[in-house]
Amino acid sequence: MAQPYAKPWLSVAHQLKQLVDRGMVVTDSPKALECLERIGYYRLSGYWFAFRERSEMCSVWDPGTVGKPKQVKTGRIPLEPFKAGASFQNAVDLYVFDKRLRLLAMDALERIEIALRVDISHTLGEMDRFAYLKPEFFHASFAYELDQKSGLTKHHDWLNKHANLISRSKEEFMRHTKDKYGLPVAIWVACEVWDFGTMSTLYGGMKESDQDRIAQSYGIANGRTFATWLRSLNYLRNVCAHHSRLWNRNIVDQPKLPPVTEVPSLANFHGVAHRLARPFLLLCMAQHLMQRINPSSTWGARLKALLLNDFPQLDHLGLNLLSMGVDPDWETRAW
């Protein structure tokens, strides 16, 4: 059972005092107070969380409600005091780096999303201009299997979300199309209102042969593997769009990796749990796709420069790019 929330409201000055009392170095109090006012204690706490001392190795137990307590995990529990030398400026520098990383990721994700909208709408549109409405163009688990709770198929659910996007669109091209031709809207027009999640879900519902056809244009033979890439990149997009911490985030929806022969740049991620669960893998995937979409793009070089030049010096806290999941050869690869 959840416990009542008991933490009190604190003034910004009291917030800063609490940090100092816990061992954080603050060399410019007025600037620190301004950051707390403009960015917020809670958002910045996601960056200084890694600065906190850790307990000795211990087991965490779930007391449960029936029978014996269950061991949940073993690890080091974060404590309130900060590691020696941890400063408020360290947290701000890490926050600024993370912001630049998110903006750069969004730059690639925009290009990837637009390219895949075209791929999907062109592939389905060749069969029928309204193919997205018709279950026969999708695989059975997407188009015909009913969810036991909702009584709807995944296709029904997708169509509801798609209809809302069409209805809410304020774009001039959509108003013109609906006024002149009515509904439904041809897929090559409708795709322009899809977000990354809508697009990746529809791709996941396509027949395997059609998935393969698109995936192979990106150097990946198996369309089901590529579907996991799109789901993971959608997760990345949502993290960035909501301004959430990215640099050392644990990736929940991990992608499947194609054979090393297909994507050699991901060779060092195979079988390494830490790297598979960190955002650098998703950034490397984005770079692979960007090289296919626009081989002359400088996005990869900009990513490399950001990591090398802008990641703050945090060695005194035991933090570096390894926390992002970088692999040993990352600097030497072609970016």
C-alpha atoms as a PDB file:
ATOM      1  CA  MET A   1       0.000   0.000   0.000  1.00  0.00           C
ATOM      2  CA  ALA A   2       1.289   3.452  -0.906  1.00  0.00           C
ATOM      3  CA  GLN A   3       2.223   5.706   1.989  1.00  0.00           C
ATOM      4  CA  PRO A   4       0.882   9.259   2.344  1.00  0.00           C
ATOM      5  CA  TYR A   5       3.058  11.952   0.754  1.00  0.00           C
ATOM      6  CA  ALA A   6       4.618  13.768   3.704  1.00  0.00           C
ATOM      7  CA  LYS A   7       7.343  15.953   2.187  1.00  0.00           C
ATOM      8  CA  PRO A   8       6.693  19.630   3.007  1.00  0.00           C
ATOM      9  CA  TRP A   9       6.735  22.643   0.701  1.00  0.00           C
ATOM     10  CA  LEU A  10      10.107  24.395   0.860  1.00  0.00           C
ATOM     11  CA  SER A  11      11.044  27.904  -0.186  1.00  0.00           C
ATOM     12  CA  VAL A  12      13.767  28.164  -2.833  1.00  0.00           C
ATOM     13  CA  ALA A  13      16.214  29.433  -0.204  1.00  0.00           C
ATOM     14  CA  HIS A  14      15.387  26.456   2.021  1.00  0.00           C
ATOM     15  CA  GLN A  15      15.839  24.101  -0.946  1.00  0.00           C
ATOM     16  CA  LEU A  16      19.354  25.437  -1.490  1.00  0.00           C
ATOM     17  CA  LYS A  17      20.160  25.218   2.228  1.00  0.00           C
ATOM     18  CA  GLN A  18      19.036  21.578   2.217  1.00  0.00           C
ATOM     19  CA  LEU A  19      21.428  20.822  -0.638  1.00  0.00           C
ATOM     20  CA  VAL A  20      24.317  22.514   1.166  1.00  0.00           C
ATOM     21  CA  ASP A  21      23.487  20.675   4.388  1.00  0.00           C
ATOM     22  CA  ARG A  22      23.733  17.405   2.457  1.00  0.00           C
ATOM     23  CA  GLY A  23      27.211  18.257   1.224  1.00  0.00           C
ATOM     24  CA  MET A  24      26.661  19.940  -2.156  1.00  0.00           C
ATOM     25  CA  VAL A  25      29.204  22.625  -3.025  1.00  0.00           C
ATOM     26  CA  VAL A  26      27.557  25.945  -3.962  1.00  0.00           C
ATOM     27  CA  THR A  27      29.982  28.663  -5.036  1.00  0.00           C
ATOM     28  CA  ASP A  28      27.455  31.148  -6.434  1.00  0.00           C
ATOM     29  CA  SER A  29      24.314  31.228  -4.292  1.00  0.00           C
ATOM     30  CA  PRO A  30      22.428  33.915  -6.281  1.00  0.00           C
ATOM     31  CA  LYS A  31      22.946  31.962  -9.525  1.00  0.00           C
ATOM     32  CA  ALA A  32      21.949  28.703  -7.825  1.00  0.00           C
ATOM     33  CA  LEU A  33      18.767  30.312  -6.478  1.00  0.00           C
ATOM     34  CA  GLU A  34      17.950  31.598  -9.973  1.00  0.00           C
ATOM     35  CA  CYS A  35      18.382  28.092 -11.428  1.00  0.00           C
ATOM     36  CA  LEU A  36      16.101  26.618  -8.775  1.00  0.00           C
ATOM     37  CA  GLU A  37      13.498  29.269  -9.592  1.00  0.00           C
ATOM     38  CA  ARG A  38      13.684  28.820 -13.384  1.00  0.00           C
ATOM     39  CA  ILE A  39      14.407  25.103 -13.760  1.00  0.00           C
ATOM     40  CA  GLY A  40      13.059  23.717 -10.506  1.00  0.00           C
ATOM     41  CA  TYR A  41      14.443  21.571  -7.711  1.00  0.00           C
ATOM     42  CA  TYR A  42      12.648  18.434  -8.821  1.00  0.00           C
ATOM     43  CA  ARG A  43      13.863  18.570 -12.450  1.00  0.00           C
ATOM     44  CA  LEU A  44      17.457  19.282 -11.407  1.00  0.00           C
ATOM     45  CA  SER A  45      17.311  16.488  -8.830  1.00  0.00           C
ATOM     46  CA  GLY A  46      17.254  14.004 -11.715  1.00  0.00           C
ATOM     47  CA  TYR A  47      20.758  15.205 -12.598  1.00  0.00           C
ATOM     48  CA  TRP A  48      22.275  15.367  -9.126  1.00  0.00           C
ATOM     49  CA  PHE A  49      20.737  12.002  -8.191  1.00  0.00           C
ATOM     50  CA  ALA A  50      23.866  10.330  -9.594  1.00  0.00           C
ATOM     51  CA  PHE A  51      26.007  12.538  -7.301  1.00  0.00           C
ATOM     52  CA  ARG A  52      24.608  10.982  -4.123  1.00  0.00           C
ATOM     53  CA  GLU A  53      26.500   8.562  -1.910  1.00  0.00           C
ATOM     54  CA  ARG A  54      25.482   4.913  -2.095  1.00  0.00           C
ATOM     55  CA  SER A  55      25.015   2.358   0.641  1.00  0.00           C
ATOM     56  CA  GLU A  56      26.961  -0.856   0.868  1.00  0.00           C
ATOM     57  CA  MET A  57      25.573  -3.728  -1.191  1.00  0.00           C
ATOM     58  CA  CYS A  58      22.238  -4.802   0.235  1.00  0.00           C
ATOM     59  CA  SER A  59      19.007  -6.546  -0.709  1.00  0.00           C
ATOM     60  CA  VAL A  60      15.713  -4.724  -1.176  1.00  0.00           C
ATOM     61  CA  TRP A  61      12.666  -6.645   0.030  1.00  0.00           C
ATOM     62  CA  ASP A  62       8.993  -6.392  -0.780  1.00  0.00           C
ATOM     63  CA  PRO A  63       7.060  -7.336   2.382  1.00  0.00           C
ATOM     64  CA  GLY A  64       4.042  -8.304   0.260  1.00  0.00           C
ATOM     65  CA  THR A  65       0.666  -9.119   1.722  1.00  0.00           C
ATOM     66  CA  VAL A  66       0.734 -12.913   1.775  1.00  0.00           C
ATOM     67  CA  GLY A  67       3.481 -15.338   2.758  1.00  0.00           C
ATOM     68  CA  LYS A  68       7.174 -14.549   3.070  1.00  0.00           C
ATOM     69  CA  PRO A  69       8.726 -11.248   1.961  1.00  0.00           C
ATOM     70  CA  LYS A  70      10.087 -11.304  -1.583  1.00  0.00           C
ATOM     71  CA  GLN A  71      13.600 -10.160  -2.510  1.00  0.00           C
ATOM     72  CA  VAL A  72      13.193  -7.603  -5.299  1.00  0.00           C
ATOM     73  CA  LYS A  73      16.797  -6.737  -6.117  1.00  0.00           C
ATOM     74  CA  THR A  74      20.310  -6.418  -4.782  1.00  0.00           C
ATOM     75  CA  GLY A  75      22.266  -3.203  -5.100  1.00  0.00           C
ATOM     76  CA  ARG A  76      23.419   0.028  -3.510  1.00  0.00           C
ATOM     77  CA  ILE A  77      20.712   2.338  -2.205  1.00  0.00           C
ATOM     78  CA  PRO A  78      21.208   6.082  -2.834  1.00  0.00           C
ATOM     79  CA  LEU A  79      21.684   8.041   0.376  1.00  0.00           C
ATOM     80  CA  GLU A  80      20.926  11.696   1.079  1.00  0.00           C
ATOM     81  CA  PRO A  81      24.539  12.969   1.405  1.00  0.00           C
ATOM     82  CA  PHE A  82      26.389  13.915  -1.776  1.00  0.00           C
ATOM     83  CA  LYS A  83      29.754  12.558  -2.837  1.00  0.00           C
ATOM     84  CA  ALA A  84      32.757  14.715  -1.982  1.00  0.00           C
ATOM     85  CA  GLY A  85      33.199  17.533  -4.481  1.00  0.00           C
ATOM     86  CA  ALA A  86      29.686  17.355  -5.938  1.00  0.00           C
ATOM     87  CA  SER A  87      28.661  20.880  -6.871  1.00  0.00           C
ATOM     88  CA  PHE A  88      25.485  22.619  -7.909  1.00  0.00           C
ATOM     89  CA  GLN A  89      27.276  23.760 -11.064  1.00  0.00           C
ATOM     90  CA  ASN A  90      28.018  20.110 -11.940  1.00  0.00           C
ATOM     91  CA  ALA A  91      24.271  19.438 -11.973  1.00  0.00           C
ATOM     92  CA  VAL A  92      23.522  22.533 -14.065  1.00  0.00           C
ATOM     93  CA  ASP A  93      26.264  21.648 -16.573  1.00  0.00           C
ATOM     94  CA  LEU A  94      24.866  18.121 -16.887  1.00  0.00           C
ATOM     95  CA  TYR A  95      21.363  19.533 -17.358  1.00  0.00           C
ATOM     96  CA  VAL A  96      22.558  21.855 -20.151  1.00  0.00           C
ATOM     97  CA  PHE A  97      24.415  19.001 -21.863  1.00  0.00           C
ATOM     98  CA  ASP A  98      21.301  16.837 -21.672  1.00  0.00           C
ATOM     99  CA  LYS A  99      19.195  19.605 -23.201  1.00  0.00           C
ATOM    100  CA  ARG A 100      21.584  19.874 -26.156  1.00  0.00           C
ATOM    101  CA  LEU A 101      21.556  16.083 -26.521  1.00  0.00           C
ATOM    102  CA  ARG A 102      17.746  16.006 -26.645  1.00  0.00           C
ATOM    103  CA  LEU A 103      17.605  18.785 -29.228  1.00  0.00           C
ATOM    104  CA  LEU A 104      20.122  16.980 -31.419  1.00  0.00           C
ATOM    105  CA  ALA A 105      18.208  13.708 -31.074  1.00  0.00           C
ATOM    106  CA  MET A 106      14.996  15.456 -32.117  1.00  0.00           C
ATOM    107  CA  ASP A 107      16.747  16.796 -35.212  1.00  0.00           C
ATOM    108  CA  ALA A 108      17.448  13.235 -36.385  1.00  0.00           C
ATOM    109  CA  LEU A 109      14.068  11.889 -35.288  1.00  0.00           C
ATOM    110  CA  GLU A 110      12.288  14.530 -37.374  1.00  0.00           C
ATOM    111  CA  ARG A 111      14.138  13.392 -40.501  1.00  0.00           C
ATOM    112  CA  ILE A 112      13.499   9.723 -39.710  1.00  0.00           C
ATOM    113  CA  GLU A 113       9.801  10.280 -39.010  1.00  0.00           C
ATOM    114  CA  ILE A 114       9.212  12.199 -42.242  1.00  0.00           C
ATOM    115  CA  ALA A 115      11.093   9.640 -44.352  1.00  0.00           C
ATOM    116  CA  LEU A 116       9.174   6.730 -42.852  1.00  0.00           C
ATOM    117  CA  ARG A 117       5.823   8.460 -43.317  1.00  0.00           C
ATOM    118  CA  VAL A 118       6.623   8.517 -47.026  1.00  0.00           C
ATOM    119  CA  ASP A 119       7.793   4.882 -47.028  1.00  0.00           C
ATOM    120  CA  ILE A 120       4.672   3.590 -45.292  1.00  0.00           C
ATOM    121  CA  SER A 121       2.153   5.713 -47.183  1.00  0.00           C
ATOM    122  CA  HIS A 122       3.814   4.926 -50.516  1.00  0.00           C
ATOM    123  CA  THR A 123       3.897   1.179 -49.826  1.00  0.00           C
ATOM    124  CA  LEU A 124       0.281   0.952 -48.656  1.00  0.00           C
ATOM    125  CA  GLY A 125      -0.971   3.588 -51.074  1.00  0.00           C
ATOM    126  CA  GLU A 126       0.225   1.568 -54.054  1.00  0.00           C
ATOM    127  CA  MET A 127      -2.298  -1.121 -53.046  1.00  0.00           C
ATOM    128  CA  ASP A 128      -5.147   1.217 -52.131  1.00  0.00           C
ATOM    129  CA  ARG A 129      -5.338   4.943 -51.493  1.00  0.00           C
ATOM    130  CA  PHE A 130      -7.402   4.172 -48.380  1.00  0.00           C
ATOM    131  CA  ALA A 131      -5.442   1.076 -47.344  1.00  0.00           C
ATOM    132  CA  TYR A 132      -5.100   2.251 -43.749  1.00  0.00           C
ATOM    133  CA  LEU A 133      -8.886   1.749 -43.314  1.00  0.00           C
ATOM    134  CA  LYS A 134      -8.940  -1.836 -44.563  1.00  0.00           C
ATOM    135  CA  PRO A 135      -7.951  -4.779 -42.341  1.00  0.00           C
ATOM    136  CA  GLU A 136      -7.066  -7.018 -45.277  1.00  0.00           C
ATOM    137  CA  PHE A 137      -3.863  -5.028 -45.788  1.00  0.00           C
ATOM    138  CA  PHE A 138      -2.565  -5.852 -42.281  1.00  0.00           C
ATOM    139  CA  HIS A 139      -1.538  -8.990 -40.453  1.00  0.00           C
ATOM    140  CA  ALA A 140      -4.148 -10.956 -38.520  1.00  0.00           C
ATOM    141  CA  SER A 141      -3.012 -10.159 -34.972  1.00  0.00           C
ATOM    142  CA  PHE A 142      -3.321  -6.446 -35.735  1.00  0.00           C
ATOM    143  CA  ALA A 143      -6.481  -6.494 -37.835  1.00  0.00           C
ATOM    144  CA  TYR A 144      -8.664  -9.303 -36.497  1.00  0.00           C
ATOM    145  CA  GLU A 145      -7.698 -10.391 -32.971  1.00  0.00           C
ATOM    146  CA  LEU A 146      -9.962  -8.786 -30.371  1.00  0.00           C
ATOM    147  CA  ASP A 147      -8.640  -7.429 -27.107  1.00  0.00           C
ATOM    148  CA  GLN A 148     -10.481  -9.273 -24.348  1.00  0.00           C
ATOM    149  CA  LYS A 149     -11.001  -6.108 -22.293  1.00  0.00           C
ATOM    150  CA  SER A 150     -11.934  -3.556 -24.936  1.00  0.00           C
ATOM    151  CA  GLY A 151     -13.454  -5.861 -27.543  1.00  0.00           C
ATOM    152  CA  LEU A 152     -11.496  -3.965 -30.199  1.00  0.00           C
ATOM    153  CA  THR A 153      -8.668  -4.939 -32.497  1.00  0.00           C
ATOM    154  CA  LYS A 154      -5.371  -3.053 -32.515  1.00  0.00           C
ATOM    155  CA  HIS A 155      -6.446  -1.727 -35.899  1.00  0.00           C
ATOM    156  CA  HIS A 156      -9.662  -0.316 -34.388  1.00  0.00           C
ATOM    157  CA  ASP A 157      -7.644   1.372 -31.676  1.00  0.00           C
ATOM    158  CA  TRP A 158      -5.239   2.818 -34.236  1.00  0.00           C
ATOM    159  CA  LEU A 159      -8.126   4.118 -36.369  1.00  0.00           C
ATOM    160  CA  ASN A 160      -9.613   5.932 -33.365  1.00  0.00           C
ATOM    161  CA  LYS A 161      -6.319   7.718 -32.716  1.00  0.00           C
ATOM    162  CA  HIS A 162      -5.889   8.431 -36.415  1.00  0.00           C
ATOM    163  CA  ALA A 163      -9.394   9.913 -36.677  1.00  0.00           C
ATOM    164  CA  ASN A 164      -8.622  12.236 -33.765  1.00  0.00           C
ATOM    165  CA  LEU A 165      -5.462  13.439 -35.492  1.00  0.00           C
ATOM    166  CA  ILE A 166      -7.407  14.144 -38.692  1.00  0.00           C
ATOM    167  CA  SER A 167     -10.162  15.912 -36.756  1.00  0.00           C
ATOM    168  CA  ARG A 168      -7.795  18.088 -34.697  1.00  0.00           C
ATOM    169  CA  SER A 169      -5.531  19.077 -37.572  1.00  0.00           C
ATOM    170  CA  LYS A 170      -5.494  22.819 -38.289  1.00  0.00           C
ATOM    171  CA  GLU A 171      -3.243  22.471 -41.303  1.00  0.00           C
ATOM    172  CA  GLU A 172      -4.386  24.291 -44.431  1.00  0.00           C
ATOM    173  CA  PHE A 173      -3.726  21.257 -46.643  1.00  0.00           C
ATOM    174  CA  MET A 174      -6.028  19.136 -44.488  1.00  0.00           C
ATOM    175  CA  ARG A 175      -8.825  21.721 -44.515  1.00  0.00           C
ATOM    176  CA  HIS A 176      -8.511  22.039 -48.298  1.00  0.00           C
ATOM    177  CA  THR A 177      -8.542  18.257 -48.822  1.00  0.00           C
ATOM    178  CA  LYS A 178     -11.604  17.715 -46.632  1.00  0.00           C
ATOM    179  CA  ASP A 179     -13.465  20.647 -48.215  1.00  0.00           C
ATOM    180  CA  LYS A 180     -12.745  19.530 -51.773  1.00  0.00           C
ATOM    181  CA  TYR A 181     -12.814  15.723 -51.499  1.00  0.00           C
ATOM    182  CA  GLY A 182     -14.417  14.979 -48.150  1.00  0.00           C
ATOM    183  CA  LEU A 183     -13.507  11.956 -46.048  1.00  0.00           C
ATOM    184  CA  PRO A 184     -11.711   9.580 -46.023  1.00  0.00           C
ATOM    185  CA  VAL A 185      -8.392  11.207 -46.830  1.00  0.00           C
ATOM    186  CA  ALA A 186      -5.887   9.449 -49.089  1.00  0.00           C
ATOM    187  CA  ILE A 187      -3.048   7.871 -47.146  1.00  0.00           C
ATOM    188  CA  TRP A 188      -0.377  10.079 -48.711  1.00  0.00           C
ATOM    189  CA  VAL A 189      -2.245  13.091 -47.314  1.00  0.00           C
ATOM    190  CA  ALA A 190      -3.303  11.491 -44.023  1.00  0.00           C
ATOM    191  CA  CYS A 191       0.269  10.480 -43.154  1.00  0.00           C
ATOM    192  CA  GLU A 192       1.211  14.146 -42.750  1.00  0.00           C
ATOM    193  CA  VAL A 193      -0.703  14.348 -39.454  1.00  0.00           C
ATOM    194  CA  TRP A 194       0.772  11.161 -37.976  1.00  0.00           C
ATOM    195  CA  ASP A 195       3.066  11.454 -35.004  1.00  0.00           C
ATOM    196  CA  PHE A 196       5.931   9.023 -34.491  1.00  0.00           C
ATOM    197  CA  GLY A 197       3.833   6.699 -32.341  1.00  0.00           C
ATOM    198  CA  THR A 198       0.957   6.552 -34.829  1.00  0.00           C
ATOM    199  CA  MET A 199       3.385   5.848 -37.637  1.00  0.00           C
ATOM    200  CA  SER A 200       5.335   3.139 -35.802  1.00  0.00           C
ATOM    201  CA  THR A 201       2.152   1.404 -34.642  1.00  0.00           C
ATOM    202  CA  LEU A 202       0.814   1.205 -38.200  1.00  0.00           C
ATOM    203  CA  TYR A 203       4.142  -0.126 -39.444  1.00  0.00           C
ATOM    204  CA  GLY A 204       3.992  -2.767 -36.727  1.00  0.00           C
ATOM    205  CA  GLY A 205       0.601  -3.871 -38.061  1.00  0.00           C
ATOM    206  CA  MET A 206       1.655  -4.210 -41.686  1.00  0.00           C
ATOM    207  CA  LYS A 207       2.098  -7.597 -43.325  1.00  0.00           C
ATOM    208  CA  GLU A 208       5.570  -9.035 -42.968  1.00  0.00           C
ATOM    209  CA  SER A 209       6.369  -8.806 -46.662  1.00  0.00           C
ATOM    210  CA  ASP A 210       5.546  -5.091 -46.658  1.00  0.00           C
ATOM    211  CA  GLN A 211       7.521  -4.534 -43.458  1.00  0.00           C
ATOM    212  CA  ASP A 212      10.511  -6.304 -44.996  1.00  0.00           C
ATOM    213  CA  ARG A 213      10.296  -4.199 -48.131  1.00  0.00           C
ATOM    214  CA  ILE A 214      10.629  -0.992 -46.121  1.00  0.00           C
ATOM    215  CA  ALA A 215      13.199  -2.320 -43.643  1.00  0.00           C
ATOM    216  CA  GLN A 216      15.461  -3.548 -46.426  1.00  0.00           C
ATOM    217  CA  SER A 217      15.751  -0.030 -47.805  1.00  0.00           C
ATOM    218  CA  TYR A 218      17.457   0.797 -44.478  1.00  0.00           C
ATOM    219  CA  GLY A 219      19.812  -2.186 -44.631  1.00  0.00           C
ATOM    220  CA  ILE A 220      17.811  -4.387 -42.256  1.00  0.00           C
ATOM    221  CA  ALA A 221      16.422  -7.610 -43.703  1.00  0.00           C
ATOM    222  CA  ASN A 222      13.818  -8.415 -41.058  1.00  0.00           C
ATOM    223  CA  GLY A 223      10.866  -6.047 -40.825  1.00  0.00           C
ATOM    224  CA  ARG A 224       9.886  -7.313 -37.370  1.00  0.00           C
ATOM    225  CA  THR A 225      13.311  -6.312 -36.073  1.00  0.00           C
ATOM    226  CA  PHE A 226      12.862  -2.918 -37.693  1.00  0.00           C
ATOM    227  CA  ALA A 227       9.474  -2.575 -35.961  1.00  0.00           C
ATOM    228  CA  THR A 228      11.249  -2.800 -32.599  1.00  0.00           C
ATOM    229  CA  TRP A 229      13.597  -0.040 -33.760  1.00  0.00           C
ATOM    230  CA  LEU A 230      10.659   2.230 -34.462  1.00  0.00           C
ATOM    231  CA  ARG A 231       9.084   1.497 -31.070  1.00  0.00           C
ATOM    232  CA  SER A 232      12.352   2.295 -29.299  1.00  0.00           C
ATOM    233  CA  LEU A 233      12.879   5.460 -31.327  1.00  0.00           C
ATOM    234  CA  ASN A 234       9.325   6.497 -30.480  1.00  0.00           C
ATOM    235  CA  TYR A 235      10.261   6.068 -26.808  1.00  0.00           C
ATOM    236  CA  LEU A 236      13.310   8.272 -27.432  1.00  0.00           C
ATOM    237  CA  ARG A 237      11.131  10.828 -29.178  1.00  0.00           C
ATOM    238  CA  ASN A 238       8.718  10.946 -26.221  1.00  0.00           C
ATOM    239  CA  VAL A 239      11.557  11.420 -23.729  1.00  0.00           C
ATOM    240  CA  CYS A 240      12.915  14.321 -25.792  1.00  0.00           C
ATOM    241  CA  ALA A 241       9.514  15.894 -26.509  1.00  0.00           C
ATOM    242  CA  HIS A 242       8.648  15.964 -22.798  1.00  0.00           C
ATOM    243  CA  HIS A 243      12.031  17.472 -21.875  1.00  0.00           C
ATOM    244  CA  SER A 244      12.884  14.490 -19.687  1.00  0.00           C
ATOM    245  CA  ARG A 245      16.374  13.432 -18.629  1.00  0.00           C
ATOM    246  CA  LEU A 246      17.997  11.415 -21.408  1.00  0.00           C
ATOM    247  CA  TRP A 247      21.751  11.021 -21.010  1.00  0.00           C
ATOM    248  CA  ASN A 248      21.785   8.001 -18.652  1.00  0.00           C
ATOM    249  CA  ARG A 249      18.153   6.918 -18.847  1.00  0.00           C
ATOM    250  CA  ASN A 250      17.311   3.242 -18.573  1.00  0.00           C
ATOM    251  CA  ILE A 251      15.664   2.276 -21.879  1.00  0.00           C
ATOM    252  CA  VAL A 252      12.563   0.245 -21.102  1.00  0.00           C
ATOM    253  CA  ASP A 253      11.495  -0.687 -24.638  1.00  0.00           C
ATOM    254  CA  GLN A 254      14.755  -2.120 -25.946  1.00  0.00           C
ATOM    255  CA  PRO A 255      15.119  -2.855 -29.676  1.00  0.00           C
ATOM    256  CA  LYS A 256      16.186  -6.118 -31.248  1.00  0.00           C
ATOM    257  CA  LEU A 257      19.514  -6.003 -33.025  1.00  0.00           C
ATOM    258  CA  PRO A 258      20.000  -7.277 -36.580  1.00  0.00           C
ATOM    259  CA  PRO A 259      22.967  -9.532 -37.381  1.00  0.00           C
ATOM    260  CA  VAL A 260      26.338  -7.817 -37.108  1.00  0.00           C
ATOM    261  CA  THR A 261      26.848  -8.306 -40.848  1.00  0.00           C
ATOM    262  CA  GLU A 262      23.844  -6.046 -41.517  1.00  0.00           C
ATOM    263  CA  VAL A 263      24.717  -3.222 -39.119  1.00  0.00           C
ATOM    264  CA  PRO A 264      28.405  -3.527 -38.142  1.00  0.00           C
ATOM    265  CA  SER A 265      28.279  -0.262 -36.184  1.00  0.00           C
ATOM    266  CA  LEU A 266      26.152  -1.990 -33.531  1.00  0.00           C
ATOM    267  CA  ALA A 267      28.481  -4.981 -33.096  1.00  0.00           C
ATOM    268  CA  ASN A 268      29.641  -3.910 -29.624  1.00  0.00           C
ATOM    269  CA  PHE A 269      26.102  -3.790 -28.283  1.00  0.00           C
ATOM    270  CA  HIS A 270      25.251  -7.455 -28.842  1.00  0.00           C
ATOM    271  CA  GLY A 271      24.925  -9.318 -25.559  1.00  0.00           C
ATOM    272  CA  VAL A 272      26.018  -6.378 -23.356  1.00  0.00           C
ATOM    273  CA  ALA A 273      23.108  -5.659 -21.031  1.00  0.00           C
ATOM    274  CA  HIS A 274      24.281  -2.223 -19.871  1.00  0.00           C
ATOM    275  CA  ARG A 275      24.777  -0.868 -23.388  1.00  0.00           C
ATOM    276  CA  LEU A 276      21.468  -2.348 -24.576  1.00  0.00           C
ATOM    277  CA  ALA A 277      19.676  -0.441 -21.810  1.00  0.00           C
ATOM    278  CA  ARG A 278      21.224   2.987 -22.396  1.00  0.00           C
ATOM    279  CA  PRO A 279      20.413   5.773 -24.873  1.00  0.00           C
ATOM    280  CA  PHE A 280      23.650   5.680 -26.852  1.00  0.00           C
ATOM    281  CA  LEU A 281      22.374   2.587 -28.646  1.00  0.00           C
ATOM    282  CA  LEU A 282      19.303   4.491 -29.843  1.00  0.00           C
ATOM    283  CA  LEU A 283      21.483   7.380 -31.007  1.00  0.00           C
ATOM    284  CA  CYS A 284      23.644   4.934 -32.987  1.00  0.00           C
ATOM    285  CA  MET A 285      20.497   3.484 -34.530  1.00  0.00           C
ATOM    286  CA  ALA A 286      19.395   7.002 -35.486  1.00  0.00           C
ATOM    287  CA  GLN A 287      22.802   7.591 -37.089  1.00  0.00           C
ATOM    288  CA  HIS A 288      22.463   4.377 -39.118  1.00  0.00           C
ATOM    289  CA  LEU A 289      19.089   5.536 -40.428  1.00  0.00           C
ATOM    290  CA  MET A 290      20.333   9.059 -41.096  1.00  0.00           C
ATOM    291  CA  GLN A 291      23.144   7.674 -43.248  1.00  0.00           C
ATOM    292  CA  ARG A 292      20.506   5.903 -45.360  1.00  0.00           C
ATOM    293  CA  ILE A 293      18.177   8.896 -45.540  1.00  0.00           C
ATOM    294  CA  ASN A 294      20.864  11.489 -46.240  1.00  0.00           C
ATOM    295  CA  PRO A 295      24.426  10.151 -46.634  1.00  0.00           C
ATOM    296  CA  SER A 296      25.842  13.686 -46.651  1.00  0.00           C
ATOM    297  CA  SER A 297      24.255  14.583 -43.300  1.00  0.00           C
ATOM    298  CA  THR A 298      26.577  15.982 -40.621  1.00  0.00           C
ATOM    299  CA  TRP A 299      24.305  14.809 -37.814  1.00  0.00           C
ATOM    300  CA  GLY A 300      26.647  12.024 -36.685  1.00  0.00           C
ATOM    301  CA  ALA A 301      29.638  14.373 -36.616  1.00  0.00           C
ATOM    302  CA  ARG A 302      27.621  16.844 -34.548  1.00  0.00           C
ATOM    303  CA  LEU A 303      26.693  14.087 -32.102  1.00  0.00           C
ATOM    304  CA  LYS A 304      30.322  13.035 -31.736  1.00  0.00           C
ATOM    305  CA  ALA A 305      31.402  16.649 -31.178  1.00  0.00           C
ATOM    306  CA  LEU A 306      28.711  17.153 -28.541  1.00  0.00           C
ATOM    307  CA  LEU A 307      29.780  14.072 -26.587  1.00  0.00           C
ATOM    308  CA  LEU A 308      33.489  14.893 -26.778  1.00  0.00           C
ATOM    309  CA  ASN A 309      33.309  18.631 -26.166  1.00  0.00           C
ATOM    310  CA  ASP A 310      30.210  19.304 -24.092  1.00  0.00           C
ATOM    311  CA  PHE A 311      29.904  16.444 -21.628  1.00  0.00           C
ATOM    312  CA  PRO A 312      30.908  17.998 -18.295  1.00  0.00           C
ATOM    313  CA  GLN A 313      33.980  16.903 -16.357  1.00  0.00           C
ATOM    314  CA  LEU A 314      32.546  14.618 -13.683  1.00  0.00           C
ATOM    315  CA  ASP A 315      35.366  12.133 -13.140  1.00  0.00           C
ATOM    316  CA  HIS A 316      35.569  13.173  -9.486  1.00  0.00           C
ATOM    317  CA  LEU A 317      32.049  11.774  -9.098  1.00  0.00           C
ATOM    318  CA  GLY A 318      32.740   8.592 -11.038  1.00  0.00           C
ATOM    319  CA  LEU A 319      30.566   9.698 -13.964  1.00  0.00           C
ATOM    320  CA  ASN A 320      31.458   9.709 -17.649  1.00  0.00           C
ATOM    321  CA  LEU A 321      30.103   8.724 -21.064  1.00  0.00           C
ATOM    322  CA  LEU A 322      30.047   5.055 -20.036  1.00  0.00           C
ATOM    323  CA  SER A 323      26.863   5.910 -18.130  1.00  0.00           C
ATOM    324  CA  MET A 324      25.279   6.644 -21.527  1.00  0.00           C
ATOM    325  CA  GLY A 325      26.280   3.200 -22.794  1.00  0.00           C
ATOM    326  CA  VAL A 326      29.083   4.176 -25.171  1.00  0.00           C
ATOM    327  CA  ASP A 327      31.113   1.267 -26.547  1.00  0.00           C
ATOM    328  CA  PRO A 328      34.927   1.109 -26.721  1.00  0.00           C
ATOM    329  CA  ASP A 329      35.165   1.881 -30.448  1.00  0.00           C
ATOM    330  CA  TRP A 330      32.619   4.659 -30.666  1.00  0.00           C
ATOM    331  CA  GLU A 331      35.080   7.478 -31.377  1.00  0.00           C
ATOM    332  CA  THR A 332      36.814   5.629 -34.207  1.00  0.00           C
ATOM    333  CA  ARG A 333      33.689   4.752 -36.197  1.00  0.00           C
ATOM    334  CA  ALA A 334      32.632   6.811 -39.189  1.00  0.00           C
ATOM    335  CA  TRP A 335      30.249   9.499 -37.994  1.00  0.00           C
END
